[in-house]
Amino acid sequence: MIRLKGFKNVVYMSVALGMLIYSLPQLQLRDVGSLPMIFSCIWIAMALLVIASHLHQILGVDEEKRRELKRINRMKKWQLEQLVQGRRKMLQFRK
């Protein structure tokens, strides 16, 4: 079953891809160096960045990094609780 977060990314990526496909015939890419051509190139690049970012989230490329950061945050929270309770023993862990 697709998670809601993943579903949102699929929908947003589909919308961005649809906008890109719809706009390609209307963008002016013929006059080299003209302002409309520069705008068209920048618009296409931004659309591709949006699509790439959603694809990155869908594929879960940084899932392992997210788990590691969650583990580190739990450890920091535990250390803070120990400090507040008066136990001065702080664990050091490697990066």
N, C-alpha and C. Protein backbone atom coordinates (compact mmCIF):
# COMPACT_ATOMS: atom_id res chain seq x y z
N MET A 1 0.84 -1.18 0.00
CA MET A 1 0.00 0.00 0.00
C MET A 1 0.89 1.25 0.00
N ILE A 2 0.53 2.22 -0.80
CA ILE A 2 1.32 3.44 -0.92
C ILE A 2 1.02 4.35 0.28
N ARG A 3 2.09 4.84 0.90
CA ARG A 3 1.90 5.78 2.00
C ARG A 3 1.34 7.08 1.45
N LEU A 4 0.66 7.84 2.29
CA LEU A 4 0.08 9.11 1.87
C LEU A 4 1.15 10.07 1.40
N LYS A 5 2.30 10.10 2.08
CA LYS A 5 3.38 10.99 1.69
C LYS A 5 3.89 10.62 0.31
N GLY A 6 4.08 9.34 0.05
CA GLY A 6 4.52 8.89 -1.25
C GLY A 6 3.49 9.18 -2.33
N PHE A 7 2.23 9.06 -1.98
CA PHE A 7 1.15 9.34 -2.93
C PHE A 7 1.15 10.81 -3.32
N LYS A 8 1.37 11.68 -2.35
CA LYS A 8 1.43 13.12 -2.64
C LYS A 8 2.57 13.41 -3.60
N ASN A 9 3.72 12.79 -3.36
CA ASN A 9 4.87 13.02 -4.24
C ASN A 9 4.59 12.53 -5.66
N VAL A 10 3.89 11.41 -5.79
CA VAL A 10 3.54 10.91 -7.12
C VAL A 10 2.60 11.87 -7.82
N VAL A 11 1.62 12.39 -7.09
CA VAL A 11 0.66 13.33 -7.68
C VAL A 11 1.36 14.61 -8.09
N TYR A 12 2.18 15.17 -7.21
CA TYR A 12 2.86 16.43 -7.53
C TYR A 12 3.84 16.26 -8.69
N MET A 13 4.54 15.12 -8.73
CA MET A 13 5.45 14.88 -9.83
C MET A 13 4.68 14.73 -11.14
N SER A 14 3.53 14.07 -11.10
CA SER A 14 2.71 13.92 -12.29
C SER A 14 2.21 15.26 -12.80
N VAL A 15 1.82 16.13 -11.87
CA VAL A 15 1.35 17.47 -12.26
C VAL A 15 2.50 18.26 -12.91
N ALA A 16 3.68 18.21 -12.31
CA ALA A 16 4.83 18.93 -12.86
C ALA A 16 5.21 18.37 -14.24
N LEU A 17 5.17 17.06 -14.38
CA LEU A 17 5.48 16.44 -15.66
C LEU A 17 4.43 16.82 -16.70
N GLY A 18 3.16 16.84 -16.30
CA GLY A 18 2.10 17.25 -17.20
C GLY A 18 2.25 18.70 -17.65
N MET A 19 2.61 19.58 -16.71
CA MET A 19 2.84 20.98 -17.07
C MET A 19 4.00 21.11 -18.05
N LEU A 20 5.05 20.33 -17.83
CA LEU A 20 6.21 20.39 -18.73
C LEU A 20 5.83 19.90 -20.13
N ILE A 21 5.13 18.78 -20.21
CA ILE A 21 4.73 18.25 -21.52
C ILE A 21 3.78 19.21 -22.23
N TYR A 22 2.85 19.79 -21.48
CA TYR A 22 1.90 20.73 -22.07
C TYR A 22 2.59 22.00 -22.57
N SER A 23 3.60 22.47 -21.85
CA SER A 23 4.21 23.76 -22.18
C SER A 23 5.30 23.67 -23.24
N LEU A 24 5.89 22.50 -23.45
CA LEU A 24 7.00 22.40 -24.40
C LEU A 24 6.65 22.90 -25.81
N PRO A 25 5.50 22.58 -26.38
CA PRO A 25 5.22 23.10 -27.72
C PRO A 25 5.03 24.62 -27.76
N GLN A 26 4.62 25.23 -26.63
CA GLN A 26 4.38 26.66 -26.63
C GLN A 26 5.61 27.50 -26.27
N LEU A 27 6.64 26.88 -25.73
CA LEU A 27 7.84 27.62 -25.37
C LEU A 27 8.65 27.94 -26.62
N GLN A 28 9.24 29.12 -26.64
CA GLN A 28 10.01 29.55 -27.80
C GLN A 28 11.48 29.20 -27.59
N LEU A 29 11.92 28.19 -28.33
CA LEU A 29 13.30 27.73 -28.21
C LEU A 29 14.09 27.94 -29.49
N ARG A 30 13.59 28.79 -30.41
CA ARG A 30 14.24 28.94 -31.72
C ARG A 30 15.25 30.08 -31.75
N ASP A 31 14.92 31.22 -31.21
CA ASP A 31 15.79 32.40 -31.29
C ASP A 31 16.87 32.33 -30.22
N VAL A 32 18.07 31.99 -30.62
CA VAL A 32 19.18 31.83 -29.67
C VAL A 32 19.54 33.19 -29.07
N GLY A 33 19.58 33.25 -27.75
CA GLY A 33 19.98 34.47 -27.06
C GLY A 33 18.86 35.44 -26.77
N SER A 34 17.65 35.17 -27.24
CA SER A 34 16.54 36.09 -26.98
C SER A 34 15.99 35.85 -25.57
N LEU A 35 15.31 36.84 -25.05
CA LEU A 35 14.74 36.72 -23.70
C LEU A 35 13.71 35.60 -23.60
N PRO A 36 12.81 35.43 -24.58
CA PRO A 36 11.88 34.30 -24.47
C PRO A 36 12.59 32.94 -24.43
N MET A 37 13.67 32.80 -25.17
CA MET A 37 14.40 31.54 -25.16
C MET A 37 15.10 31.31 -23.82
N ILE A 38 15.68 32.36 -23.26
CA ILE A 38 16.32 32.25 -21.94
C ILE A 38 15.28 31.88 -20.89
N PHE A 39 14.11 32.54 -20.93
CA PHE A 39 13.03 32.22 -19.99
C PHE A 39 12.61 30.77 -20.15
N SER A 40 12.47 30.31 -21.39
CA SER A 40 12.05 28.93 -21.65
C SER A 40 13.04 27.94 -21.08
N CYS A 41 14.31 28.18 -21.26
CA CYS A 41 15.34 27.27 -20.74
C CYS A 41 15.32 27.23 -19.21
N ILE A 42 15.18 28.40 -18.59
CA ILE A 42 15.13 28.45 -17.13
C ILE A 42 13.88 27.76 -16.62
N TRP A 43 12.75 27.95 -17.31
CA TRP A 43 11.48 27.33 -16.89
C TRP A 43 11.58 25.81 -16.99
N ILE A 44 12.17 25.32 -18.07
CA ILE A 44 12.33 23.87 -18.24
C ILE A 44 13.26 23.31 -17.15
N ALA A 45 14.34 24.02 -16.86
CA ALA A 45 15.28 23.56 -15.82
C ALA A 45 14.59 23.50 -14.45
N MET A 46 13.79 24.50 -14.13
CA MET A 46 13.09 24.49 -12.84
C MET A 46 12.07 23.35 -12.78
N ALA A 47 11.35 23.12 -13.87
CA ALA A 47 10.39 22.02 -13.91
C ALA A 47 11.09 20.67 -13.73
N LEU A 48 12.24 20.51 -14.36
CA LEU A 48 13.00 19.27 -14.21
C LEU A 48 13.53 19.09 -12.80
N LEU A 49 13.91 20.19 -12.14
CA LEU A 49 14.34 20.11 -10.74
C LEU A 49 13.20 19.67 -9.83
N VAL A 50 12.00 20.20 -10.06
CA VAL A 50 10.83 19.80 -9.26
C VAL A 50 10.55 18.32 -9.46
N ILE A 51 10.58 17.87 -10.70
CA ILE A 51 10.32 16.46 -11.00
C ILE A 51 11.39 15.58 -10.35
N ALA A 52 12.65 15.99 -10.44
CA ALA A 52 13.75 15.22 -9.86
C ALA A 52 13.63 15.14 -8.34
N SER A 53 13.22 16.23 -7.70
CA SER A 53 13.12 16.21 -6.24
C SER A 53 12.00 15.28 -5.78
N HIS A 54 10.90 15.27 -6.49
CA HIS A 54 9.81 14.35 -6.12
C HIS A 54 10.19 12.90 -6.41
N LEU A 55 10.89 12.67 -7.49
CA LEU A 55 11.35 11.32 -7.79
C LEU A 55 12.34 10.84 -6.73
N HIS A 56 13.18 11.73 -6.24
CA HIS A 56 14.13 11.41 -5.17
C HIS A 56 13.39 10.98 -3.91
N GLN A 57 12.32 11.69 -3.57
CA GLN A 57 11.52 11.34 -2.39
C GLN A 57 10.78 10.03 -2.59
N ILE A 58 10.26 9.80 -3.80
CA ILE A 58 9.51 8.57 -4.06
C ILE A 58 10.42 7.35 -3.94
N LEU A 59 11.63 7.45 -4.49
CA LEU A 59 12.55 6.32 -4.45
C LEU A 59 13.14 6.09 -3.07
N GLY A 60 13.05 7.09 -2.18
CA GLY A 60 13.55 6.93 -0.81
C GLY A 60 15.05 6.79 -0.76
N VAL A 61 15.75 7.57 -1.56
CA VAL A 61 17.20 7.48 -1.63
C VAL A 61 17.85 7.77 -0.29
N ASP A 62 17.31 8.70 0.45
CA ASP A 62 17.93 9.10 1.72
C ASP A 62 17.24 8.47 2.93
N GLU A 63 16.63 7.31 2.76
CA GLU A 63 15.94 6.65 3.87
C GLU A 63 16.92 6.23 4.97
N GLU A 64 18.08 5.71 4.59
CA GLU A 64 19.07 5.30 5.58
C GLU A 64 19.58 6.50 6.37
N LYS A 65 19.80 7.60 5.71
CA LYS A 65 20.25 8.82 6.40
C LYS A 65 19.18 9.31 7.37
N ARG A 66 17.92 9.23 6.97
CA ARG A 66 16.83 9.64 7.84
C ARG A 66 16.77 8.78 9.10
N ARG A 67 17.00 7.47 8.94
CA ARG A 67 17.00 6.58 10.11
C ARG A 67 18.17 6.91 11.05
N GLU A 68 19.33 7.20 10.47
CA GLU A 68 20.50 7.53 11.29
C GLU A 68 20.28 8.83 12.05
N LEU A 69 19.71 9.84 11.40
CA LEU A 69 19.43 11.10 12.09
C LEU A 69 18.39 10.91 13.19
N LYS A 70 17.42 10.05 12.97
CA LYS A 70 16.42 9.76 14.00
C LYS A 70 17.06 9.10 15.21
N ARG A 71 18.01 8.18 14.95
CA ARG A 71 18.71 7.52 16.05
C ARG A 71 19.55 8.52 16.84
N ILE A 72 20.22 9.42 16.14
CA ILE A 72 21.04 10.44 16.81
C ILE A 72 20.16 11.37 17.64
N ASN A 73 19.02 11.77 17.11
CA ASN A 73 18.12 12.65 17.85
C ASN A 73 17.56 11.97 19.09
N ARG A 74 17.28 10.66 19.00
CA ARG A 74 16.81 9.93 20.19
C ARG A 74 17.90 9.91 21.26
N MET A 75 19.15 9.72 20.83
CA MET A 75 20.26 9.68 21.78
C MET A 75 20.45 11.05 22.44
N LYS A 76 20.36 12.11 21.67
CA LYS A 76 20.50 13.45 22.25
C LYS A 76 19.37 13.74 23.23
N LYS A 77 18.16 13.32 22.90
CA LYS A 77 17.03 13.51 23.81
C LYS A 77 17.24 12.73 25.10
N TRP A 78 17.74 11.49 24.99
CA TRP A 78 18.01 10.69 26.17
C TRP A 78 19.08 11.34 27.03
N GLN A 79 20.14 11.88 26.39
CA GLN A 79 21.21 12.54 27.14
C GLN A 79 20.68 13.77 27.86
N LEU A 80 19.81 14.53 27.21
CA LEU A 80 19.22 15.70 27.85
C LEU A 80 18.36 15.31 29.05
N GLU A 81 17.60 14.23 28.90
CA GLU A 81 16.79 13.75 30.02
C GLU A 81 17.68 13.33 31.18
N GLN A 82 18.80 12.67 30.90
CA GLN A 82 19.72 12.25 31.95
C GLN A 82 20.32 13.46 32.65
N LEU A 83 20.65 14.50 31.88
CA LEU A 83 21.22 15.71 32.44
C LEU A 83 20.21 16.42 33.34
N VAL A 84 18.95 16.48 32.89
CA VAL A 84 17.90 17.14 33.67
C VAL A 84 17.63 16.38 34.96
N GLN A 85 17.70 15.06 34.93
CA GLN A 85 17.44 14.25 36.11
C GLN A 85 18.62 14.25 37.08
N GLY A 86 19.72 14.87 36.71
CA GLY A 86 20.84 14.99 37.61
C GLY A 86 21.92 13.96 37.39
N ARG A 87 21.73 13.08 36.48
CA ARG A 87 22.77 12.10 36.17
C ARG A 87 23.70 12.73 35.16
N ARG A 88 24.93 12.90 35.55
CA ARG A 88 25.89 13.62 34.71
C ARG A 88 26.58 12.73 33.68
N LYS A 89 26.27 11.46 33.68
CA LYS A 89 26.95 10.57 32.76
C LYS A 89 26.42 10.81 31.34
N MET A 90 27.30 11.30 30.50
CA MET A 90 26.93 11.56 29.11
C MET A 90 27.68 10.57 28.23
N LEU A 91 26.98 9.92 27.39
CA LEU A 91 27.62 8.95 26.48
C LEU A 91 28.16 9.68 25.25
N GLN A 92 29.30 9.28 24.85
CA GLN A 92 29.89 9.79 23.61
C GLN A 92 29.69 8.72 22.54
N PHE A 93 29.30 9.12 21.39
CA PHE A 93 29.15 8.15 20.30
C PHE A 93 29.84 8.70 19.05
N ARG A 94 30.24 7.76 18.22
CA ARG A 94 30.98 8.12 17.02
C ARG A 94 30.03 8.59 15.94
N LYS A 95 30.57 9.44 15.08
CA LYS A 95 29.78 9.93 13.94
C LYS A 95 29.80 8.92 12.83
